[in-house]
Amino acid sequence: LSEWFIYLNKPKTHILNSARTAAGGSGCVGAMTSLTQRGSGLVQRRTEASRSAADKERSLAEEDEHATECADARDDTGDSKEARLTLMEEVLLLGLKDREGYTSFWNDCISSGLRGCMLIELALRGRLQLEACGMRRKGLLARKVICKSDAPTGDVLLDEALKHIKDTQPAETVQSWIELLSGETWNPLKLHYQLRNVRERLAKNLVEKGVLTTEKQNFLLFDMTTHPLTNGNIKQRLIKKVQEAVLDKWVNDPNRMDKRLLALIFLAHSSDVLENAFAPLLDDQYELAMKRVRQLLELQPEGESAKPNANELLWAVIAAFTK
């Protein structure tokens, strides 16, 4: 009882000071804890930001390295961007007379041959393919051409042909598309599929690539735009490539040949311009080259298209021209 009496008689200010001291100590501890937490959070955010920045720099460095490797690979091939020709341009270049700058007036095969080149070029670029053969095992010429990808190719003619094929329902066969793109149809409702001025547009592409030049020639009653050869090295390289494919670098198995080169030989023959590539050869070489071309022409497209790594649409176009 005496202790309780002493406690109750203590001044109130002492009790308040004790309470304030206790409260102040806990407040400082809480404030320090929150500051520590905020500080650790800031450090963590800064660490994550620096880590993401490092990852971004690393990815950019990898992309730059990949682009450099691709550029080095392109430089190693020895062909500049301007010298890379499409199948259509190569066939047209083989058919053009060097000085006159135009194809033979008697050549009525090159028009359809160039349309076949477009289909194969789109197939090799992964834009077109044939429909599945199905349970009945349809033949190549009975199967429809379908659009695999509508991504632009960067070539106006190819993109125009791709748009026609993509927008057409129901789909058409390879033979039908060669005729429609050439304008060789009796149906007036399908005349809009025709690609116009193909040879002139291809020649302008070759002018832009530094292979040809543009001139005007007078033919008595009218003037005609011609495109004489200005860079003979590119054409000689093309002729040499075709000659070597059937002579020095000949392989008996067509599946081991480069698909683009194989298509070039077939379509140059179908366009009646392959003779121009073989004209400089000696008699013995010419006979051997033509013998091997005949071997290629005697191949069965149905069987060749069933082999591994074969491009079915390529063989379908070949079947359309060799049937």
C-alpha atoms as a PDB file:
ATOM      1  CA  LEU A   1       0.000   0.000   0.000  1.00  0.00           C
ATOM      2  CA  SER A   2       2.849   2.392   0.754  1.00  0.00           C
ATOM      3  CA  GLU A   3       4.395   1.802  -2.695  1.00  0.00           C
ATOM      4  CA  TRP A   4       1.118   2.496  -4.457  1.00  0.00           C
ATOM      5  CA  PHE A   5       0.718   5.646  -2.420  1.00  0.00           C
ATOM      6  CA  ILE A   6       4.211   6.859  -3.428  1.00  0.00           C
ATOM      7  CA  TYR A   7       3.513   6.106  -7.152  1.00  0.00           C
ATOM      8  CA  LEU A   8       0.242   8.006  -7.168  1.00  0.00           C
ATOM      9  CA  ASN A   9       1.879  11.039  -5.508  1.00  0.00           C
ATOM     10  CA  LYS A  10       4.597  11.305  -8.255  1.00  0.00           C
ATOM     11  CA  PRO A  11       4.385  14.401 -10.544  1.00  0.00           C
ATOM     12  CA  LYS A  12       2.428  13.861 -13.801  1.00  0.00           C
ATOM     13  CA  THR A  13       5.215  15.375 -15.864  1.00  0.00           C
ATOM     14  CA  HIS A  14       7.511  12.452 -15.089  1.00  0.00           C
ATOM     15  CA  ILE A  15       4.951   9.931 -16.361  1.00  0.00           C
ATOM     16  CA  LEU A  16       4.402  11.936 -19.586  1.00  0.00           C
ATOM     17  CA  ASN A  17       8.159  12.194 -20.231  1.00  0.00           C
ATOM     18  CA  SER A  18       8.554   8.427 -19.814  1.00  0.00           C
ATOM     19  CA  ALA A  19       5.729   7.807 -22.305  1.00  0.00           C
ATOM     20  CA  ARG A  20       7.180  10.300 -24.818  1.00  0.00           C
ATOM     21  CA  THR A  21      10.603   8.685 -24.564  1.00  0.00           C
ATOM     22  CA  ALA A  22       9.175   5.242 -25.256  1.00  0.00           C
ATOM     23  CA  ALA A  23       7.059   6.516 -28.155  1.00  0.00           C
ATOM     24  CA  GLY A  24       9.980   8.474 -29.643  1.00  0.00           C
ATOM     25  CA  GLY A  25      12.229   5.414 -29.591  1.00  0.00           C
ATOM     26  CA  SER A  26       9.731   3.231 -31.411  1.00  0.00           C
ATOM     27  CA  GLY A  27       9.024   6.071 -33.949  1.00  0.00           C
ATOM     28  CA  CYS A  28      12.720   6.390 -34.802  1.00  0.00           C
ATOM     29  CA  VAL A  29      13.016   2.642 -35.223  1.00  0.00           C
ATOM     30  CA  GLY A  30       9.931   2.605 -37.543  1.00  0.00           C
ATOM     31  CA  ALA A  31      11.205   5.553 -39.565  1.00  0.00           C
ATOM     32  CA  MET A  32      14.632   3.954 -39.970  1.00  0.00           C
ATOM     33  CA  THR A  33      13.010   0.666 -41.021  1.00  0.00           C
ATOM     34  CA  SER A  34      10.867   2.384 -43.701  1.00  0.00           C
ATOM     35  CA  LEU A  35      13.896   4.341 -44.976  1.00  0.00           C
ATOM     36  CA  THR A  36      15.877   1.116 -45.195  1.00  0.00           C
ATOM     37  CA  GLN A  37      13.051  -0.563 -47.115  1.00  0.00           C
ATOM     38  CA  ARG A  38      12.730   2.398 -49.501  1.00  0.00           C
ATOM     39  CA  GLY A  39      16.501   2.418 -49.985  1.00  0.00           C
ATOM     40  CA  SER A  40      16.608  -1.304 -50.774  1.00  0.00           C
ATOM     41  CA  GLY A  41      13.697  -0.896 -53.214  1.00  0.00           C
ATOM     42  CA  LEU A  42      15.499   1.936 -54.982  1.00  0.00           C
ATOM     43  CA  VAL A  43      18.663  -0.133 -55.254  1.00  0.00           C
ATOM     44  CA  GLN A  44      16.647  -3.050 -56.617  1.00  0.00           C
ATOM     45  CA  ARG A  45      14.937  -0.860 -59.237  1.00  0.00           C
ATOM     46  CA  ARG A  46      18.282   0.621 -60.266  1.00  0.00           C
ATOM     47  CA  THR A  47      19.752  -2.872 -60.574  1.00  0.00           C
ATOM     48  CA  GLU A  48      16.853  -4.067 -62.765  1.00  0.00           C
ATOM     49  CA  ALA A  49      17.091  -0.947 -64.951  1.00  0.00           C
ATOM     50  CA  SER A  50      20.825  -1.403 -65.479  1.00  0.00           C
ATOM     51  CA  ARG A  51      20.285  -5.104 -66.195  1.00  0.00           C
ATOM     52  CA  SER A  52      17.607  -4.386 -68.833  1.00  0.00           C
ATOM     53  CA  ALA A  53      19.828  -1.727 -70.415  1.00  0.00           C
ATOM     54  CA  ALA A  54      22.693  -4.212 -70.579  1.00  0.00           C
ATOM     55  CA  ASP A  55      20.420  -6.833 -72.200  1.00  0.00           C
ATOM     56  CA  LYS A  56      19.238  -4.275 -74.767  1.00  0.00           C
ATOM     57  CA  GLU A  57      22.807  -3.293 -75.618  1.00  0.00           C
ATOM     58  CA  ARG A  58      23.754  -6.964 -75.924  1.00  0.00           C
ATOM     59  CA  SER A  59      20.850  -7.690 -78.311  1.00  0.00           C
ATOM     60  CA  LEU A  60      21.714  -4.646 -80.437  1.00  0.00           C
ATOM     61  CA  ALA A  61      25.323  -5.767 -80.582  1.00  0.00           C
ATOM     62  CA  GLU A  62      24.256  -9.247 -81.697  1.00  0.00           C
ATOM     63  CA  GLU A  63      22.045  -7.758 -84.442  1.00  0.00           C
ATOM     64  CA  ASP A  64      24.897  -5.561 -85.651  1.00  0.00           C
ATOM     65  CA  GLU A  65      27.227  -8.542 -85.670  1.00  0.00           C
ATOM     66  CA  HIS A  66      24.696 -10.597 -87.663  1.00  0.00           C
ATOM     67  CA  ALA A  67      24.229  -7.765 -90.161  1.00  0.00           C
ATOM     68  CA  THR A  68      28.003  -7.468 -90.529  1.00  0.00           C
ATOM     69  CA  GLU A  69      28.304 -11.212 -91.156  1.00  0.00           C
ATOM     70  CA  CYS A  70      25.556 -11.047 -93.805  1.00  0.00           C
ATOM     71  CA  ALA A  71      27.265  -8.106 -95.477  1.00  0.00           C
ATOM     72  CA  ASP A  72      30.574  -9.960 -95.465  1.00  0.00           C
ATOM     73  CA  ALA A  73      28.867 -13.000 -96.965  1.00  0.00           C
ATOM     74  CA  ARG A  74      27.368 -10.869 -99.722  1.00  0.00           C
ATOM     75  CA  ASP A  75      30.753  -9.317-100.418  1.00  0.00           C
ATOM     76  CA  ASP A  76      32.375 -12.735-100.613  1.00  0.00           C
ATOM     77  CA  THR A  77      30.045 -13.813-103.420  1.00  0.00           C
ATOM     78  CA  GLY A  78      31.442 -11.097-105.650  1.00  0.00           C
ATOM     79  CA  ASP A  79      27.983 -10.077-106.895  1.00  0.00           C
ATOM     80  CA  SER A  80      26.750  -6.628-106.001  1.00  0.00           C
ATOM     81  CA  LYS A  81      23.099  -5.974-105.241  1.00  0.00           C
ATOM     82  CA  GLU A  82      22.605  -4.383-108.660  1.00  0.00           C
ATOM     83  CA  ALA A  83      23.891  -7.524-110.408  1.00  0.00           C
ATOM     84  CA  ARG A  84      21.426  -9.954-108.798  1.00  0.00           C
ATOM     85  CA  LEU A  85      18.918 -10.860-111.467  1.00  0.00           C
ATOM     86  CA  THR A  86      15.561 -12.590-111.229  1.00  0.00           C
ATOM     87  CA  LEU A  87      14.714 -15.577-113.418  1.00  0.00           C
ATOM     88  CA  MET A  88      12.659 -13.354-115.713  1.00  0.00           C
ATOM     89  CA  GLU A  89      15.516 -10.901-116.153  1.00  0.00           C
ATOM     90  CA  GLU A  90      18.000 -13.689-116.879  1.00  0.00           C
ATOM     91  CA  VAL A  91      15.769 -15.248-119.551  1.00  0.00           C
ATOM     92  CA  LEU A  92      15.125 -11.852-121.139  1.00  0.00           C
ATOM     93  CA  LEU A  93      18.843 -11.002-121.070  1.00  0.00           C
ATOM     94  CA  LEU A  94      19.634 -14.249-122.893  1.00  0.00           C
ATOM     95  CA  GLY A  95      17.049 -13.361-125.551  1.00  0.00           C
ATOM     96  CA  LEU A  96      18.088  -9.724-126.101  1.00  0.00           C
ATOM     97  CA  LYS A  97      20.371  -8.846-128.989  1.00  0.00           C
ATOM     98  CA  ASP A  98      23.405  -7.067-127.598  1.00  0.00           C
ATOM     99  CA  ARG A  99      23.624  -4.147-130.032  1.00  0.00           C
ATOM    100  CA  GLU A 100      20.035  -3.884-131.221  1.00  0.00           C
ATOM    101  CA  GLY A 101      18.568  -4.093-127.723  1.00  0.00           C
ATOM    102  CA  TYR A 102      15.409  -6.081-128.497  1.00  0.00           C
ATOM    103  CA  THR A 103      14.340  -9.721-128.782  1.00  0.00           C
ATOM    104  CA  SER A 104      13.725 -11.485-132.073  1.00  0.00           C
ATOM    105  CA  PHE A 105      10.473 -10.537-133.777  1.00  0.00           C
ATOM    106  CA  TRP A 106       9.923 -14.207-134.595  1.00  0.00           C
ATOM    107  CA  ASN A 107      10.118 -15.376-130.989  1.00  0.00           C
ATOM    108  CA  ASP A 108       6.544 -15.997-129.828  1.00  0.00           C
ATOM    109  CA  CYS A 109       7.548 -18.320-126.950  1.00  0.00           C
ATOM    110  CA  ILE A 110       9.245 -15.865-124.605  1.00  0.00           C
ATOM    111  CA  SER A 111       5.988 -14.279-123.422  1.00  0.00           C
ATOM    112  CA  SER A 112       4.640 -17.458-121.804  1.00  0.00           C
ATOM    113  CA  GLY A 113       8.152 -18.423-120.690  1.00  0.00           C
ATOM    114  CA  LEU A 114       8.467 -15.209-118.692  1.00  0.00           C
ATOM    115  CA  ARG A 115       5.152 -15.947-116.929  1.00  0.00           C
ATOM    116  CA  GLY A 116       6.454 -19.378-115.998  1.00  0.00           C
ATOM    117  CA  CYS A 117       9.557 -17.685-114.600  1.00  0.00           C
ATOM    118  CA  MET A 118       7.358 -15.542-112.367  1.00  0.00           C
ATOM    119  CA  LEU A 119       5.592 -18.558-110.879  1.00  0.00           C
ATOM    120  CA  ILE A 120       8.865 -20.347-110.164  1.00  0.00           C
ATOM    121  CA  GLU A 121      10.462 -17.190-108.752  1.00  0.00           C
ATOM    122  CA  LEU A 122       7.534 -16.769-106.352  1.00  0.00           C
ATOM    123  CA  ALA A 123       7.750 -20.440-105.383  1.00  0.00           C
ATOM    124  CA  LEU A 124      11.494 -20.243-104.710  1.00  0.00           C
ATOM    125  CA  ARG A 125      10.866 -17.176-102.539  1.00  0.00           C
ATOM    126  CA  GLY A 126       8.302 -19.057-100.448  1.00  0.00           C
ATOM    127  CA  ARG A 127       5.225 -17.165-101.690  1.00  0.00           C
ATOM    128  CA  LEU A 128       3.449 -19.901-103.680  1.00  0.00           C
ATOM    129  CA  GLN A 129       2.950 -23.642-103.468  1.00  0.00           C
ATOM    130  CA  LEU A 130       0.734 -26.366-104.890  1.00  0.00           C
ATOM    131  CA  GLU A 131      -2.247 -27.656-102.975  1.00  0.00           C
ATOM    132  CA  ALA A 132      -1.933 -31.067-101.334  1.00  0.00           C
ATOM    133  CA  CYS A 133      -2.274 -33.949-103.769  1.00  0.00           C
ATOM    134  CA  GLY A 134      -4.959 -35.592-101.600  1.00  0.00           C
ATOM    135  CA  MET A 135      -6.032 -39.220-101.422  1.00  0.00           C
ATOM    136  CA  ARG A 136      -6.578 -39.466-105.187  1.00  0.00           C
ATOM    137  CA  ARG A 137      -2.986 -38.434-105.904  1.00  0.00           C
ATOM    138  CA  LYS A 138      -3.738 -35.639-108.351  1.00  0.00           C
ATOM    139  CA  GLY A 139      -1.194 -34.901-111.038  1.00  0.00           C
ATOM    140  CA  LEU A 140       0.929 -31.740-110.990  1.00  0.00           C
ATOM    141  CA  LEU A 141      -1.097 -30.036-113.716  1.00  0.00           C
ATOM    142  CA  ALA A 142      -4.404 -30.807-111.983  1.00  0.00           C
ATOM    143  CA  ARG A 143      -3.422 -29.264-108.637  1.00  0.00           C
ATOM    144  CA  LYS A 144      -4.248 -25.644-107.819  1.00  0.00           C
ATOM    145  CA  VAL A 145      -1.719 -22.922-107.040  1.00  0.00           C
ATOM    146  CA  ILE A 146      -2.249 -21.436-103.581  1.00  0.00           C
ATOM    147  CA  CYS A 147      -0.701 -18.434-101.858  1.00  0.00           C
ATOM    148  CA  LYS A 148       1.639 -19.438 -99.047  1.00  0.00           C
ATOM    149  CA  SER A 149       2.645 -15.903 -98.029  1.00  0.00           C
ATOM    150  CA  ASP A 150       1.546 -12.500 -99.341  1.00  0.00           C
ATOM    151  CA  ALA A 151       4.600 -10.641 -98.035  1.00  0.00           C
ATOM    152  CA  PRO A 152       5.905  -8.159-100.643  1.00  0.00           C
ATOM    153  CA  THR A 153       8.873  -9.341-102.694  1.00  0.00           C
ATOM    154  CA  GLY A 154      10.199  -5.907-103.610  1.00  0.00           C
ATOM    155  CA  ASP A 155       9.621  -6.582-107.313  1.00  0.00           C
ATOM    156  CA  VAL A 156       6.604  -4.845-108.882  1.00  0.00           C
ATOM    157  CA  LEU A 157       5.876  -7.598-111.433  1.00  0.00           C
ATOM    158  CA  LEU A 158       6.139 -10.388-108.866  1.00  0.00           C
ATOM    159  CA  ASP A 159       3.938  -8.533-106.386  1.00  0.00           C
ATOM    160  CA  GLU A 160       1.332  -7.898-109.090  1.00  0.00           C
ATOM    161  CA  ALA A 161       1.228 -11.579-110.051  1.00  0.00           C
ATOM    162  CA  LEU A 162       1.116 -12.608-106.384  1.00  0.00           C
ATOM    163  CA  LYS A 163      -1.859 -10.312-105.742  1.00  0.00           C
ATOM    164  CA  HIS A 164      -3.797 -11.847-108.655  1.00  0.00           C
ATOM    165  CA  ILE A 165      -3.162 -15.367-107.372  1.00  0.00           C
ATOM    166  CA  LYS A 166      -4.016 -14.476-103.767  1.00  0.00           C
ATOM    167  CA  ASP A 167      -7.285 -12.723-104.633  1.00  0.00           C
ATOM    168  CA  THR A 168      -8.580 -15.363-107.071  1.00  0.00           C
ATOM    169  CA  GLN A 169     -11.188 -17.804-105.783  1.00  0.00           C
ATOM    170  CA  PRO A 170     -11.482 -20.610-106.682  1.00  0.00           C
ATOM    171  CA  ALA A 171      -7.779 -21.168-107.260  1.00  0.00           C
ATOM    172  CA  GLU A 172      -6.369 -21.936-110.706  1.00  0.00           C
ATOM    173  CA  THR A 173      -3.809 -24.455-111.967  1.00  0.00           C
ATOM    174  CA  VAL A 174      -0.275 -23.683-113.164  1.00  0.00           C
ATOM    175  CA  GLN A 175      -1.279 -24.009-116.816  1.00  0.00           C
ATOM    176  CA  SER A 176      -4.213 -21.654-116.308  1.00  0.00           C
ATOM    177  CA  TRP A 177      -2.068 -19.030-114.604  1.00  0.00           C
ATOM    178  CA  ILE A 178       0.514 -19.043-117.394  1.00  0.00           C
ATOM    179  CA  GLU A 179      -2.280 -18.413-119.899  1.00  0.00           C
ATOM    180  CA  LEU A 180      -4.076 -15.807-117.759  1.00  0.00           C
ATOM    181  CA  LEU A 181      -0.939 -13.804-116.982  1.00  0.00           C
ATOM    182  CA  SER A 182      -0.045 -13.899-120.695  1.00  0.00           C
ATOM    183  CA  GLY A 183      -3.518 -12.744-121.755  1.00  0.00           C
ATOM    184  CA  GLU A 184      -4.080 -15.943-123.729  1.00  0.00           C
ATOM    185  CA  THR A 185      -7.672 -16.539-122.678  1.00  0.00           C
ATOM    186  CA  TRP A 186     -11.000 -16.561-124.512  1.00  0.00           C
ATOM    187  CA  ASN A 187     -12.858 -15.385-121.418  1.00  0.00           C
ATOM    188  CA  PRO A 188     -13.218 -11.570-121.557  1.00  0.00           C
ATOM    189  CA  LEU A 189     -13.961 -11.502-117.824  1.00  0.00           C
ATOM    190  CA  LYS A 190     -10.430 -12.746-117.121  1.00  0.00           C
ATOM    191  CA  LEU A 191      -8.501 -10.345-119.332  1.00  0.00           C
ATOM    192  CA  HIS A 192      -7.697  -8.188-116.307  1.00  0.00           C
ATOM    193  CA  TYR A 193      -5.248 -10.874-115.155  1.00  0.00           C
ATOM    194  CA  GLN A 194      -2.912 -10.099-118.041  1.00  0.00           C
ATOM    195  CA  LEU A 195       0.402  -8.517-117.059  1.00  0.00           C
ATOM    196  CA  ARG A 196       1.105  -5.834-119.652  1.00  0.00           C
ATOM    197  CA  ASN A 197       4.418  -4.608-121.065  1.00  0.00           C
ATOM    198  CA  VAL A 198       6.352  -7.294-119.218  1.00  0.00           C
ATOM    199  CA  ARG A 199       9.409  -7.218-121.491  1.00  0.00           C
ATOM    200  CA  GLU A 200       9.639  -3.434-121.372  1.00  0.00           C
ATOM    201  CA  ARG A 201       9.309  -3.381-117.571  1.00  0.00           C
ATOM    202  CA  LEU A 202      11.952  -6.087-117.176  1.00  0.00           C
ATOM    203  CA  ALA A 203      14.274  -4.185-119.522  1.00  0.00           C
ATOM    204  CA  LYS A 204      13.832  -1.056-117.371  1.00  0.00           C
ATOM    205  CA  ASN A 205      14.770  -3.112-114.310  1.00  0.00           C
ATOM    206  CA  LEU A 206      17.959  -4.174-116.096  1.00  0.00           C
ATOM    207  CA  VAL A 207      18.641  -0.531-116.978  1.00  0.00           C
ATOM    208  CA  GLU A 208      18.347   0.389-113.286  1.00  0.00           C
ATOM    209  CA  LYS A 209      20.775  -2.421-112.441  1.00  0.00           C
ATOM    210  CA  GLY A 210      23.320  -1.098-114.909  1.00  0.00           C
ATOM    211  CA  VAL A 211      23.067  -3.982-117.373  1.00  0.00           C
ATOM    212  CA  LEU A 212      21.270  -2.242-120.242  1.00  0.00           C
ATOM    213  CA  THR A 213      20.817   1.296-121.522  1.00  0.00           C
ATOM    214  CA  THR A 214      17.880   2.997-123.256  1.00  0.00           C
ATOM    215  CA  GLU A 215      17.869   4.279-126.840  1.00  0.00           C
ATOM    216  CA  LYS A 216      15.402   5.194-129.592  1.00  0.00           C
ATOM    217  CA  GLN A 217      15.531   3.537-133.006  1.00  0.00           C
ATOM    218  CA  ASN A 218      13.596   4.502-136.105  1.00  0.00           C
ATOM    219  CA  PHE A 219      11.885   1.685-138.010  1.00  0.00           C
ATOM    220  CA  LEU A 220      10.602   3.592-141.067  1.00  0.00           C
ATOM    221  CA  LEU A 221       7.006   3.973-139.913  1.00  0.00           C
ATOM    222  CA  PHE A 222       7.516   4.234-136.168  1.00  0.00           C
ATOM    223  CA  ASP A 223      10.073   4.806-133.415  1.00  0.00           C
ATOM    224  CA  MET A 224      10.802   2.022-130.947  1.00  0.00           C
ATOM    225  CA  THR A 225      12.505   2.133-127.568  1.00  0.00           C
ATOM    226  CA  THR A 226      15.417  -0.313-127.453  1.00  0.00           C
ATOM    227  CA  HIS A 227      17.745  -1.416-124.660  1.00  0.00           C
ATOM    228  CA  PRO A 228      21.235  -2.270-125.934  1.00  0.00           C
ATOM    229  CA  LEU A 229      23.689  -4.076-123.682  1.00  0.00           C
ATOM    230  CA  THR A 230      25.965  -1.769-121.702  1.00  0.00           C
ATOM    231  CA  ASN A 231      27.547  -4.196-119.197  1.00  0.00           C
ATOM    232  CA  GLY A 232      28.784  -7.210-121.120  1.00  0.00           C
ATOM    233  CA  ASN A 233      30.428  -8.812-118.074  1.00  0.00           C
ATOM    234  CA  ILE A 234      27.116  -9.653-116.437  1.00  0.00           C
ATOM    235  CA  LYS A 235      25.734 -11.305-119.573  1.00  0.00           C
ATOM    236  CA  GLN A 236      28.976 -13.234-120.150  1.00  0.00           C
ATOM    237  CA  ARG A 237      28.857 -14.441-116.556  1.00  0.00           C
ATOM    238  CA  LEU A 238      25.260 -15.585-117.096  1.00  0.00           C
ATOM    239  CA  ILE A 239      26.145 -17.417-120.330  1.00  0.00           C
ATOM    240  CA  LYS A 240      29.123 -19.074-118.660  1.00  0.00           C
ATOM    241  CA  LYS A 241      26.937 -20.227-115.771  1.00  0.00           C
ATOM    242  CA  VAL A 242      24.471 -21.894-118.154  1.00  0.00           C
ATOM    243  CA  GLN A 243      27.260 -23.507-120.197  1.00  0.00           C
ATOM    244  CA  GLU A 244      29.049 -24.890-117.133  1.00  0.00           C
ATOM    245  CA  ALA A 245      25.822 -26.357-115.777  1.00  0.00           C
ATOM    246  CA  VAL A 246      25.643 -28.780-118.724  1.00  0.00           C
ATOM    247  CA  LEU A 247      29.390 -29.183-119.344  1.00  0.00           C
ATOM    248  CA  ASP A 248      32.063 -28.830-116.663  1.00  0.00           C
ATOM    249  CA  LYS A 249      29.719 -28.861-113.641  1.00  0.00           C
ATOM    250  CA  TRP A 250      27.208 -31.360-115.000  1.00  0.00           C
ATOM    251  CA  VAL A 251      25.546 -33.730-112.484  1.00  0.00           C
ATOM    252  CA  ASN A 252      23.344 -36.609-113.562  1.00  0.00           C
ATOM    253  CA  ASP A 253      20.882 -36.106-110.721  1.00  0.00           C
ATOM    254  CA  PRO A 254      18.737 -32.970-111.243  1.00  0.00           C
ATOM    255  CA  ASN A 255      17.912 -32.873-107.528  1.00  0.00           C
ATOM    256  CA  ARG A 256      21.581 -32.117-106.874  1.00  0.00           C
ATOM    257  CA  MET A 257      21.487 -29.124-109.204  1.00  0.00           C
ATOM    258  CA  ASP A 258      20.708 -25.641-107.958  1.00  0.00           C
ATOM    259  CA  LYS A 259      16.939 -25.195-108.317  1.00  0.00           C
ATOM    260  CA  ARG A 260      17.230 -21.714-109.791  1.00  0.00           C
ATOM    261  CA  LEU A 261      19.802 -22.857-112.356  1.00  0.00           C
ATOM    262  CA  LEU A 262      17.707 -25.905-113.256  1.00  0.00           C
ATOM    263  CA  ALA A 263      14.662 -23.682-113.783  1.00  0.00           C
ATOM    264  CA  LEU A 264      16.749 -21.275-115.890  1.00  0.00           C
ATOM    265  CA  ILE A 265      17.799 -24.060-118.284  1.00  0.00           C
ATOM    266  CA  PHE A 266      14.253 -25.377-118.702  1.00  0.00           C
ATOM    267  CA  LEU A 267      12.628 -21.967-119.150  1.00  0.00           C
ATOM    268  CA  ALA A 268      15.368 -20.631-121.413  1.00  0.00           C
ATOM    269  CA  HIS A 269      14.695 -23.648-123.654  1.00  0.00           C
ATOM    270  CA  SER A 270      10.920 -23.106-123.452  1.00  0.00           C
ATOM    271  CA  SER A 271      11.425 -19.414-124.310  1.00  0.00           C
ATOM    272  CA  ASP A 272      13.610 -20.363-127.288  1.00  0.00           C
ATOM    273  CA  VAL A 273      16.638 -18.416-126.037  1.00  0.00           C
ATOM    274  CA  LEU A 274      18.876 -21.263-124.823  1.00  0.00           C
ATOM    275  CA  GLU A 275      20.564 -21.473-128.232  1.00  0.00           C
ATOM    276  CA  ASN A 276      21.958 -17.971-127.649  1.00  0.00           C
ATOM    277  CA  ALA A 277      23.908 -19.245-124.640  1.00  0.00           C
ATOM    278  CA  PHE A 278      25.333 -22.205-126.599  1.00  0.00           C
ATOM    279  CA  ALA A 279      26.209 -20.268-129.774  1.00  0.00           C
ATOM    280  CA  PRO A 280      29.842 -19.502-128.732  1.00  0.00           C
ATOM    281  CA  LEU A 281      30.600 -23.197-128.034  1.00  0.00           C
ATOM    282  CA  LEU A 282      32.687 -25.420-130.273  1.00  0.00           C
ATOM    283  CA  ASP A 283      30.859 -28.116-132.232  1.00  0.00           C
ATOM    284  CA  ASP A 284      31.771 -30.943-129.837  1.00  0.00           C
ATOM    285  CA  GLN A 285      30.814 -28.892-126.789  1.00  0.00           C
ATOM    286  CA  TYR A 286      27.576 -27.815-128.437  1.00  0.00           C
ATOM    287  CA  GLU A 287      26.595 -31.412-129.194  1.00  0.00           C
ATOM    288  CA  LEU A 288      27.373 -32.500-125.623  1.00  0.00           C
ATOM    289  CA  ALA A 289      25.471 -29.568-124.136  1.00  0.00           C
ATOM    290  CA  MET A 290      22.369 -30.223-126.258  1.00  0.00           C
ATOM    291  CA  LYS A 291      22.530 -33.935-125.461  1.00  0.00           C
ATOM    292  CA  ARG A 292      22.405 -33.202-121.744  1.00  0.00           C
ATOM    293  CA  VAL A 293      19.616 -30.661-122.202  1.00  0.00           C
ATOM    294  CA  ARG A 294      17.612 -33.370-123.985  1.00  0.00           C
ATOM    295  CA  GLN A 295      18.270 -35.659-121.005  1.00  0.00           C
ATOM    296  CA  LEU A 296      16.729 -33.036-118.744  1.00  0.00           C
ATOM    297  CA  LEU A 297      13.750 -32.597-121.059  1.00  0.00           C
ATOM    298  CA  GLU A 298      13.106 -36.366-120.989  1.00  0.00           C
ATOM    299  CA  LEU A 299      12.729 -36.391-117.191  1.00  0.00           C
ATOM    300  CA  GLN A 300       9.312 -37.212-115.730  1.00  0.00           C
ATOM    301  CA  PRO A 301       8.151 -34.220-113.647  1.00  0.00           C
ATOM    302  CA  GLU A 302       5.698 -36.340-111.648  1.00  0.00           C
ATOM    303  CA  GLY A 303       8.472 -38.639-110.450  1.00  0.00           C
ATOM    304  CA  GLU A 304      11.003 -35.868-109.890  1.00  0.00           C
ATOM    305  CA  SER A 305       8.571 -33.809-107.805  1.00  0.00           C
ATOM    306  CA  ALA A 306       8.056 -36.753-105.420  1.00  0.00           C
ATOM    307  CA  LYS A 307      11.742 -36.895-104.501  1.00  0.00           C
ATOM    308  CA  PRO A 308      13.016 -35.345-101.240  1.00  0.00           C
ATOM    309  CA  ASN A 309      13.675 -31.580-101.236  1.00  0.00           C
ATOM    310  CA  ALA A 310      12.004 -31.158-104.638  1.00  0.00           C
ATOM    311  CA  ASN A 311       9.963 -28.037-105.349  1.00  0.00           C
ATOM    312  CA  GLU A 312       6.602 -29.246-106.643  1.00  0.00           C
ATOM    313  CA  LEU A 313       5.554 -25.974-108.252  1.00  0.00           C
ATOM    314  CA  LEU A 314       8.848 -25.792-110.155  1.00  0.00           C
ATOM    315  CA  TRP A 315       8.215 -29.240-111.648  1.00  0.00           C
ATOM    316  CA  ALA A 316       4.589 -28.327-112.347  1.00  0.00           C
ATOM    317  CA  VAL A 317       5.737 -25.367-114.473  1.00  0.00           C
ATOM    318  CA  ILE A 318       8.232 -27.636-116.243  1.00  0.00           C
ATOM    319  CA  ALA A 319       5.439 -30.151-116.877  1.00  0.00           C
ATOM    320  CA  ALA A 320       3.284 -27.372-118.370  1.00  0.00           C
ATOM    321  CA  PHE A 321       5.994 -26.547-120.927  1.00  0.00           C
ATOM    322  CA  THR A 322       7.180 -30.070-121.722  1.00  0.00           C
ATOM    323  CA  LYS A 323       3.866 -31.911-121.875  1.00  0.00           C
END
